N, C-alpha and C. Protein backbone atom coordinates (compact mmCIF):
# COMPACT_ATOMS: atom_id res chain seq x y z
N UNK A 1 79.10 30.58 233.24
CA UNK A 1 77.88 31.30 233.50
C UNK A 1 77.36 31.95 232.21
N UNK A 2 78.24 32.56 231.40
CA UNK A 2 77.79 33.23 230.19
C UNK A 2 77.14 32.25 229.21
N UNK A 3 77.66 31.03 229.16
CA UNK A 3 77.13 30.05 228.21
C UNK A 3 75.65 29.80 228.44
N UNK A 4 75.16 29.94 229.68
CA UNK A 4 73.76 29.69 229.98
C UNK A 4 72.83 30.85 229.69
N UNK A 5 73.40 32.01 229.42
CA UNK A 5 72.55 33.18 229.14
C UNK A 5 72.11 33.19 227.69
N UNK A 6 70.92 33.61 227.38
CA UNK A 6 69.88 34.13 228.26
C UNK A 6 68.82 33.10 228.62
N UNK A 7 69.12 31.81 228.48
CA UNK A 7 68.08 30.79 228.65
C UNK A 7 68.11 30.05 229.98
N UNK A 8 69.17 30.16 230.76
CA UNK A 8 69.28 29.44 232.01
C UNK A 8 68.87 30.34 233.17
N UNK A 9 67.81 29.96 233.87
CA UNK A 9 67.25 30.81 234.94
C UNK A 9 68.26 31.06 236.07
N UNK A 10 69.03 30.04 236.44
CA UNK A 10 70.02 30.22 237.52
C UNK A 10 71.10 31.22 237.12
N UNK A 11 71.59 31.11 235.89
CA UNK A 11 72.61 32.05 235.42
C UNK A 11 72.05 33.47 235.35
N UNK A 12 70.82 33.59 234.88
CA UNK A 12 70.18 34.90 234.82
C UNK A 12 70.04 35.50 236.21
N UNK A 13 69.57 34.70 237.17
CA UNK A 13 69.38 35.20 238.53
C UNK A 13 70.71 35.60 239.16
N UNK A 14 71.74 34.82 238.91
CA UNK A 14 73.06 35.16 239.42
C UNK A 14 73.52 36.51 238.87
N UNK A 15 73.34 36.73 237.60
CA UNK A 15 73.72 38.02 237.00
C UNK A 15 72.85 39.16 237.51
N UNK A 16 71.53 38.90 237.65
CA UNK A 16 70.64 39.94 238.17
C UNK A 16 71.00 40.33 239.60
N UNK A 17 71.62 39.43 240.34
CA UNK A 17 72.06 39.72 241.70
C UNK A 17 73.42 40.42 241.72
N UNK A 18 74.35 39.96 240.89
CA UNK A 18 75.71 40.49 240.90
C UNK A 18 75.83 41.90 240.33
N UNK A 19 75.07 42.22 239.30
CA UNK A 19 75.19 43.53 238.66
C UNK A 19 74.85 44.67 239.63
N UNK A 20 73.69 44.64 240.31
CA UNK A 20 73.41 45.71 241.27
C UNK A 20 74.39 45.72 242.45
N UNK A 21 74.86 44.53 242.85
CA UNK A 21 75.82 44.46 243.95
C UNK A 21 77.10 45.21 243.57
N UNK A 22 77.57 45.02 242.36
CA UNK A 22 78.78 45.72 241.90
C UNK A 22 78.57 47.22 241.93
N UNK A 23 77.42 47.69 241.45
CA UNK A 23 77.13 49.13 241.46
C UNK A 23 77.04 49.67 242.88
N UNK A 24 76.48 48.87 243.81
CA UNK A 24 76.37 49.34 245.19
C UNK A 24 77.74 49.47 245.85
N UNK A 25 78.74 48.76 245.32
CA UNK A 25 80.11 48.86 245.82
C UNK A 25 80.92 49.92 245.08
N UNK A 26 80.27 50.61 244.14
CA UNK A 26 80.95 51.66 243.39
C UNK A 26 81.77 51.14 242.23
N UNK A 27 81.51 49.93 241.79
CA UNK A 27 82.26 49.33 240.68
C UNK A 27 81.42 49.33 239.40
N UNK A 28 82.11 49.36 238.28
CA UNK A 28 81.45 49.15 237.00
C UNK A 28 81.33 47.66 236.73
N UNK A 29 80.62 47.29 235.68
CA UNK A 29 80.39 45.88 235.37
C UNK A 29 80.84 45.59 233.94
N UNK A 30 81.78 44.67 233.81
CA UNK A 30 82.26 44.20 232.51
C UNK A 30 81.96 42.71 232.43
N UNK A 31 81.17 42.31 231.46
CA UNK A 31 80.85 40.89 231.26
C UNK A 31 81.89 40.28 230.33
N UNK A 32 82.53 39.21 230.78
CA UNK A 32 83.53 38.52 229.97
C UNK A 32 82.96 37.21 229.46
N UNK A 33 83.42 36.76 228.32
CA UNK A 33 82.99 35.48 227.77
C UNK A 33 81.73 35.56 226.92
N UNK A 34 81.44 36.75 226.40
CA UNK A 34 80.23 36.95 225.60
C UNK A 34 80.48 36.42 224.18
N UNK A 35 79.65 35.48 223.75
CA UNK A 35 79.87 34.84 222.45
C UNK A 35 78.72 34.98 221.48
N UNK A 36 77.52 35.38 221.95
CA UNK A 36 76.37 35.46 221.05
C UNK A 36 75.69 36.82 221.17
N UNK A 37 74.95 37.19 220.14
CA UNK A 37 74.17 38.44 220.16
C UNK A 37 73.12 38.40 221.27
N UNK A 38 72.52 37.22 221.50
CA UNK A 38 71.50 37.09 222.55
C UNK A 38 72.11 37.37 223.93
N UNK A 39 73.31 36.85 224.18
CA UNK A 39 73.99 37.12 225.45
C UNK A 39 74.27 38.62 225.59
N UNK A 40 74.81 39.22 224.53
CA UNK A 40 75.15 40.65 224.57
C UNK A 40 73.92 41.49 224.85
N UNK A 41 72.84 41.21 224.16
CA UNK A 41 71.61 41.97 224.35
C UNK A 41 71.10 41.84 225.78
N UNK A 42 71.06 40.61 226.31
CA UNK A 42 70.57 40.39 227.66
C UNK A 42 71.44 41.13 228.67
N UNK A 43 72.75 41.04 228.55
CA UNK A 43 73.67 41.66 229.49
C UNK A 43 73.59 43.19 229.46
N UNK A 44 73.52 43.77 228.28
CA UNK A 44 73.42 45.23 228.18
C UNK A 44 72.09 45.72 228.74
N UNK A 45 71.02 45.01 228.43
CA UNK A 45 69.70 45.36 228.97
C UNK A 45 69.68 45.23 230.49
N UNK A 46 70.47 44.29 231.03
CA UNK A 46 70.49 44.04 232.46
C UNK A 46 71.43 44.98 233.22
N UNK A 47 72.15 45.84 232.49
CA UNK A 47 72.96 46.85 233.18
C UNK A 47 74.46 46.73 233.06
N UNK A 48 74.98 45.81 232.28
CA UNK A 48 76.44 45.73 232.11
C UNK A 48 76.94 46.97 231.37
N UNK A 49 78.08 47.47 231.82
CA UNK A 49 78.67 48.64 231.18
C UNK A 49 79.40 48.30 229.90
N UNK A 50 80.12 47.18 229.93
CA UNK A 50 80.95 46.78 228.80
C UNK A 50 80.90 45.27 228.63
N UNK A 51 81.25 44.82 227.43
CA UNK A 51 81.28 43.40 227.13
C UNK A 51 82.64 43.02 226.57
N UNK A 52 83.07 41.79 226.86
CA UNK A 52 84.28 41.23 226.27
C UNK A 52 83.95 39.80 225.86
N UNK A 53 84.58 39.33 224.80
CA UNK A 53 84.38 37.95 224.38
C UNK A 53 84.55 37.80 222.89
N UNK A 54 84.45 36.55 222.42
CA UNK A 54 84.67 36.25 221.01
C UNK A 54 83.67 36.93 220.09
N UNK A 55 82.49 37.29 220.60
CA UNK A 55 81.53 38.02 219.77
C UNK A 55 82.15 39.33 219.29
N UNK A 56 82.95 39.94 220.15
CA UNK A 56 83.54 41.25 219.84
C UNK A 56 84.94 41.16 219.26
N UNK A 57 85.65 40.08 219.50
CA UNK A 57 87.00 39.94 218.97
C UNK A 57 87.81 38.93 219.75
N UNK A 58 88.83 38.42 219.11
CA UNK A 58 89.74 37.47 219.72
C UNK A 58 90.68 38.19 220.69
N UNK A 59 91.14 37.49 221.74
CA UNK A 59 92.09 38.12 222.65
C UNK A 59 93.41 38.39 221.93
N UNK A 60 94.04 39.47 222.30
CA UNK A 60 95.31 39.85 221.71
C UNK A 60 96.41 39.75 222.76
N UNK A 61 97.41 38.93 222.54
CA UNK A 61 98.50 38.87 223.50
C UNK A 61 99.18 40.22 223.63
N UNK A 62 99.67 40.52 224.83
CA UNK A 62 100.28 41.81 225.09
C UNK A 62 101.70 41.91 224.55
N UNK A 63 102.31 40.81 224.20
CA UNK A 63 103.71 40.83 223.83
C UNK A 63 104.56 40.83 225.09
N UNK A 64 105.88 40.77 224.91
CA UNK A 64 106.79 40.72 226.04
C UNK A 64 106.69 42.02 226.82
N UNK A 65 106.51 41.91 228.15
CA UNK A 65 106.30 43.11 228.94
C UNK A 65 106.57 42.87 230.43
N UNK A 66 106.59 43.96 231.15
CA UNK A 66 106.55 43.97 232.61
C UNK A 66 105.25 44.64 232.99
N UNK A 67 104.73 44.33 234.17
CA UNK A 67 103.47 44.93 234.61
C UNK A 67 103.67 46.16 235.48
N UNK A 68 104.91 46.47 235.89
CA UNK A 68 105.16 47.64 236.71
C UNK A 68 104.74 47.45 238.17
N UNK A 69 104.79 46.20 238.63
CA UNK A 69 104.43 45.89 240.02
C UNK A 69 105.58 45.09 240.63
N UNK A 70 105.39 44.59 241.84
CA UNK A 70 106.44 43.79 242.48
C UNK A 70 106.37 42.32 242.06
N UNK A 71 105.17 41.74 242.15
CA UNK A 71 104.98 40.33 241.80
C UNK A 71 103.78 40.18 240.88
N UNK A 72 103.86 39.20 240.00
CA UNK A 72 102.75 38.85 239.12
C UNK A 72 102.49 37.35 239.29
N UNK A 73 101.23 37.00 239.53
CA UNK A 73 100.85 35.60 239.63
C UNK A 73 99.91 35.29 238.47
N UNK A 74 100.26 34.27 237.69
CA UNK A 74 99.41 33.82 236.59
C UNK A 74 98.98 32.39 236.91
N UNK A 75 97.69 32.18 236.98
CA UNK A 75 97.15 30.87 237.34
C UNK A 75 96.24 30.38 236.21
N UNK A 76 96.52 29.20 235.68
CA UNK A 76 95.67 28.62 234.64
C UNK A 76 94.40 28.09 235.29
N UNK A 77 93.27 28.62 234.87
CA UNK A 77 91.98 28.15 235.39
C UNK A 77 91.51 26.96 234.57
N UNK A 78 91.54 27.11 233.24
CA UNK A 78 91.10 26.02 232.38
C UNK A 78 91.66 26.23 230.98
N UNK A 79 91.94 25.12 230.32
CA UNK A 79 92.44 25.14 228.94
C UNK A 79 91.66 24.07 228.20
N UNK A 80 90.95 24.46 227.14
CA UNK A 80 90.09 23.51 226.45
C UNK A 80 90.21 23.67 224.93
N UNK A 81 90.65 22.65 224.26
CA UNK A 81 90.65 22.57 222.79
C UNK A 81 91.35 23.74 222.11
N UNK A 82 92.57 24.06 222.56
CA UNK A 82 93.35 25.12 221.92
C UNK A 82 94.78 24.67 221.69
N UNK A 83 95.41 25.28 220.70
CA UNK A 83 96.85 25.16 220.55
C UNK A 83 97.43 26.55 220.76
N UNK A 84 98.71 26.61 221.08
CA UNK A 84 99.34 27.89 221.40
C UNK A 84 99.22 28.18 222.87
N UNK A 85 99.34 29.45 223.23
CA UNK A 85 99.26 29.84 224.63
C UNK A 85 100.51 29.47 225.41
N UNK A 86 101.65 29.48 224.72
CA UNK A 86 102.92 29.17 225.38
C UNK A 86 103.34 30.35 226.25
N UNK A 87 103.72 30.08 227.49
CA UNK A 87 104.22 31.13 228.39
C UNK A 87 105.72 31.24 228.17
N UNK A 88 106.19 32.48 228.15
CA UNK A 88 107.62 32.74 227.97
C UNK A 88 108.06 33.73 229.04
N UNK A 89 109.12 33.38 229.73
CA UNK A 89 109.65 34.22 230.81
C UNK A 89 111.15 34.36 230.57
N UNK A 90 111.63 35.61 230.48
CA UNK A 90 113.03 35.87 230.20
C UNK A 90 113.62 36.84 231.21
N UNK A 91 114.91 36.70 231.48
CA UNK A 91 115.60 37.65 232.34
C UNK A 91 115.47 39.04 231.73
N UNK A 92 115.20 40.04 232.55
CA UNK A 92 115.07 41.41 232.04
C UNK A 92 116.40 41.94 231.54
N UNK A 93 117.49 41.51 232.15
CA UNK A 93 118.81 42.04 231.79
C UNK A 93 119.74 40.96 231.25
N UNK A 94 119.20 40.02 230.52
CA UNK A 94 120.04 38.96 229.99
C UNK A 94 119.30 38.10 229.00
N UNK A 95 120.01 37.13 228.41
CA UNK A 95 119.42 36.31 227.35
C UNK A 95 118.68 35.07 227.85
N UNK A 96 118.86 34.70 229.11
CA UNK A 96 118.29 33.44 229.60
C UNK A 96 116.78 33.52 229.76
N UNK A 97 116.13 32.39 229.50
CA UNK A 97 114.69 32.35 229.67
C UNK A 97 114.14 30.95 229.61
N UNK A 98 112.84 30.84 229.84
CA UNK A 98 112.13 29.57 229.81
C UNK A 98 110.88 29.71 228.96
N UNK A 99 110.53 28.63 228.28
CA UNK A 99 109.29 28.56 227.50
C UNK A 99 108.56 27.28 227.93
N UNK A 100 107.27 27.41 228.17
CA UNK A 100 106.50 26.24 228.59
C UNK A 100 105.03 26.52 228.36
N UNK A 101 104.25 25.44 228.34
CA UNK A 101 102.80 25.56 228.17
C UNK A 101 102.12 25.06 229.43
N UNK A 102 101.34 25.93 230.05
CA UNK A 102 100.57 25.53 231.23
C UNK A 102 99.36 24.75 230.72
N UNK A 103 99.26 23.48 231.11
CA UNK A 103 98.18 22.64 230.58
C UNK A 103 97.24 22.10 231.66
N UNK A 104 97.67 22.06 232.90
CA UNK A 104 96.85 21.53 233.99
C UNK A 104 96.19 22.66 234.77
N UNK A 105 94.89 22.57 235.05
CA UNK A 105 94.23 23.61 235.86
C UNK A 105 94.98 23.85 237.17
N UNK A 106 95.03 25.10 237.54
CA UNK A 106 95.65 25.60 238.77
C UNK A 106 97.17 25.59 238.73
N UNK A 107 97.75 25.31 237.54
CA UNK A 107 99.18 25.53 237.39
C UNK A 107 99.41 27.02 237.60
N UNK A 108 100.39 27.38 238.43
CA UNK A 108 100.57 28.78 238.81
C UNK A 108 102.01 29.21 238.57
N UNK A 109 102.14 30.38 238.03
CA UNK A 109 103.44 30.99 237.74
C UNK A 109 103.55 32.25 238.59
N UNK A 110 104.60 32.37 239.40
CA UNK A 110 104.82 33.55 240.22
C UNK A 110 106.09 34.23 239.72
N UNK A 111 105.97 35.50 239.33
CA UNK A 111 107.06 36.23 238.70
C UNK A 111 107.51 37.42 239.53
N UNK A 112 108.81 37.64 239.60
CA UNK A 112 109.38 38.86 240.17
C UNK A 112 109.42 39.86 239.02
N UNK A 113 108.50 40.79 239.01
CA UNK A 113 108.31 41.68 237.86
C UNK A 113 109.52 42.55 237.56
N UNK A 114 110.34 42.84 238.54
CA UNK A 114 111.52 43.67 238.31
C UNK A 114 112.63 42.89 237.61
N UNK A 115 112.62 41.57 237.75
CA UNK A 115 113.72 40.75 237.23
C UNK A 115 113.42 40.07 235.90
N UNK A 116 112.13 39.98 235.51
CA UNK A 116 111.81 39.23 234.29
C UNK A 116 110.85 39.99 233.38
N UNK A 117 110.85 39.57 232.14
CA UNK A 117 109.88 40.02 231.13
C UNK A 117 109.08 38.78 230.76
N UNK A 118 107.78 38.92 230.58
CA UNK A 118 106.97 37.74 230.29
C UNK A 118 105.97 38.03 229.18
N UNK A 119 105.52 36.94 228.56
CA UNK A 119 104.51 37.03 227.50
C UNK A 119 103.84 35.68 227.33
N UNK A 120 102.73 35.68 226.61
CA UNK A 120 102.03 34.46 226.24
C UNK A 120 101.70 34.53 224.77
N UNK A 121 101.94 33.45 224.03
CA UNK A 121 101.65 33.43 222.60
C UNK A 121 100.14 33.31 222.37
N UNK A 122 99.66 33.71 221.19
CA UNK A 122 98.22 33.61 220.89
C UNK A 122 97.74 32.16 220.92
N UNK A 123 96.44 31.99 221.17
CA UNK A 123 95.83 30.66 221.10
C UNK A 123 94.97 30.58 219.85
N UNK A 124 94.76 29.35 219.39
CA UNK A 124 93.84 29.07 218.29
C UNK A 124 93.00 27.87 218.66
N UNK A 125 91.68 27.94 218.43
CA UNK A 125 90.83 26.79 218.77
C UNK A 125 91.14 25.60 217.87
N UNK A 126 91.06 24.40 218.43
CA UNK A 126 91.28 23.17 217.66
C UNK A 126 89.98 22.69 217.02
N UNK A 127 88.84 23.18 217.52
CA UNK A 127 87.53 22.81 216.98
C UNK A 127 86.80 24.11 216.67
N UNK A 128 85.47 24.08 216.74
CA UNK A 128 84.68 25.29 216.51
C UNK A 128 84.87 26.30 217.63
N UNK A 129 85.35 25.84 218.78
CA UNK A 129 85.54 26.72 219.92
C UNK A 129 86.72 26.21 220.73
N UNK A 130 87.22 27.02 221.60
CA UNK A 130 88.29 26.65 222.50
C UNK A 130 88.64 27.86 223.35
N UNK A 131 89.28 27.62 224.49
CA UNK A 131 89.64 28.74 225.35
C UNK A 131 90.81 28.39 226.25
N UNK A 132 91.43 29.44 226.75
CA UNK A 132 92.48 29.35 227.76
C UNK A 132 92.19 30.47 228.75
N UNK A 133 91.67 30.11 229.92
CA UNK A 133 91.32 31.10 230.93
C UNK A 133 92.41 31.15 231.99
N UNK A 134 92.88 32.35 232.29
CA UNK A 134 93.86 32.53 233.35
C UNK A 134 93.36 33.58 234.33
N UNK A 135 93.81 33.44 235.54
CA UNK A 135 93.59 34.45 236.57
C UNK A 135 94.94 35.10 236.79
N UNK A 136 95.01 36.42 236.60
CA UNK A 136 96.26 37.14 236.78
C UNK A 136 96.09 38.11 237.95
N UNK A 137 96.94 37.97 238.95
CA UNK A 137 96.93 38.86 240.09
C UNK A 137 98.27 39.58 240.15
N UNK A 138 98.23 40.88 240.41
CA UNK A 138 99.46 41.64 240.55
C UNK A 138 99.54 42.18 241.97
N UNK A 139 100.75 42.24 242.48
CA UNK A 139 100.99 42.68 243.86
C UNK A 139 102.04 43.79 243.83
N UNK A 140 101.78 44.82 244.63
CA UNK A 140 102.70 45.93 244.71
C UNK A 140 102.74 46.43 246.15
N UNK A 141 103.94 46.57 246.70
CA UNK A 141 104.08 47.10 248.05
C UNK A 141 103.62 48.56 248.03
N UNK A 142 102.90 48.96 249.03
CA UNK A 142 102.39 50.33 249.06
C UNK A 142 101.07 50.41 248.33
N UNK A 143 100.89 51.49 247.61
CA UNK A 143 99.61 51.79 246.99
C UNK A 143 99.69 51.77 245.48
N UNK A 144 98.64 51.32 244.81
CA UNK A 144 98.57 51.36 243.37
C UNK A 144 98.20 52.75 242.86
N UNK A 145 97.45 53.49 243.65
CA UNK A 145 96.90 54.77 243.21
C UNK A 145 97.76 55.97 243.55
N UNK A 146 98.75 55.81 244.38
CA UNK A 146 99.56 56.94 244.84
C UNK A 146 99.57 56.97 246.35
N UNK A 147 100.28 57.89 246.93
CA UNK A 147 100.41 57.95 248.39
C UNK A 147 99.06 58.09 249.06
N UNK A 148 98.76 57.16 249.93
CA UNK A 148 97.57 57.24 250.77
C UNK A 148 96.26 56.90 250.09
N UNK A 149 96.25 56.69 248.79
CA UNK A 149 95.01 56.37 248.09
C UNK A 149 94.83 54.86 248.04
N UNK A 150 93.62 54.42 248.19
CA UNK A 150 93.31 53.00 248.12
C UNK A 150 92.36 52.77 246.97
N UNK A 151 92.67 51.82 246.11
CA UNK A 151 91.80 51.51 244.98
C UNK A 151 91.12 50.18 245.15
N UNK A 152 90.00 50.01 244.50
CA UNK A 152 89.26 48.74 244.54
C UNK A 152 89.63 47.95 243.31
């Protein structure tokens, strides 16, 4: 969707619809995938609170970590013209681990966050551009915000 901004009418209309909808639900708006000054200008003028993307900087891997939840699901959405991005999963209390590269869309990794430490190595484009998009969902029994609080 970002690639079509600010010249694609359908992408513009979709953003013009989604931004107010997010605010009506009490959410802020962060635009991801911003690569040009024209996109940034259009999105900020249209009400986005924050921007993320190559225009502002390359993604930084978090390093080996736990997320502090019960389960972590990492799903590869798309991988295009990049090297790197190796997933590494190691026992939290031992030396054993696995290293692999998720290359097919919808490849999914489900982690027991209490038992493992995980990380992903940096990516580098093979051409003028490239990306590795993942969807990361975290699950925790009970509440994320504290007793009785519900977060969006």
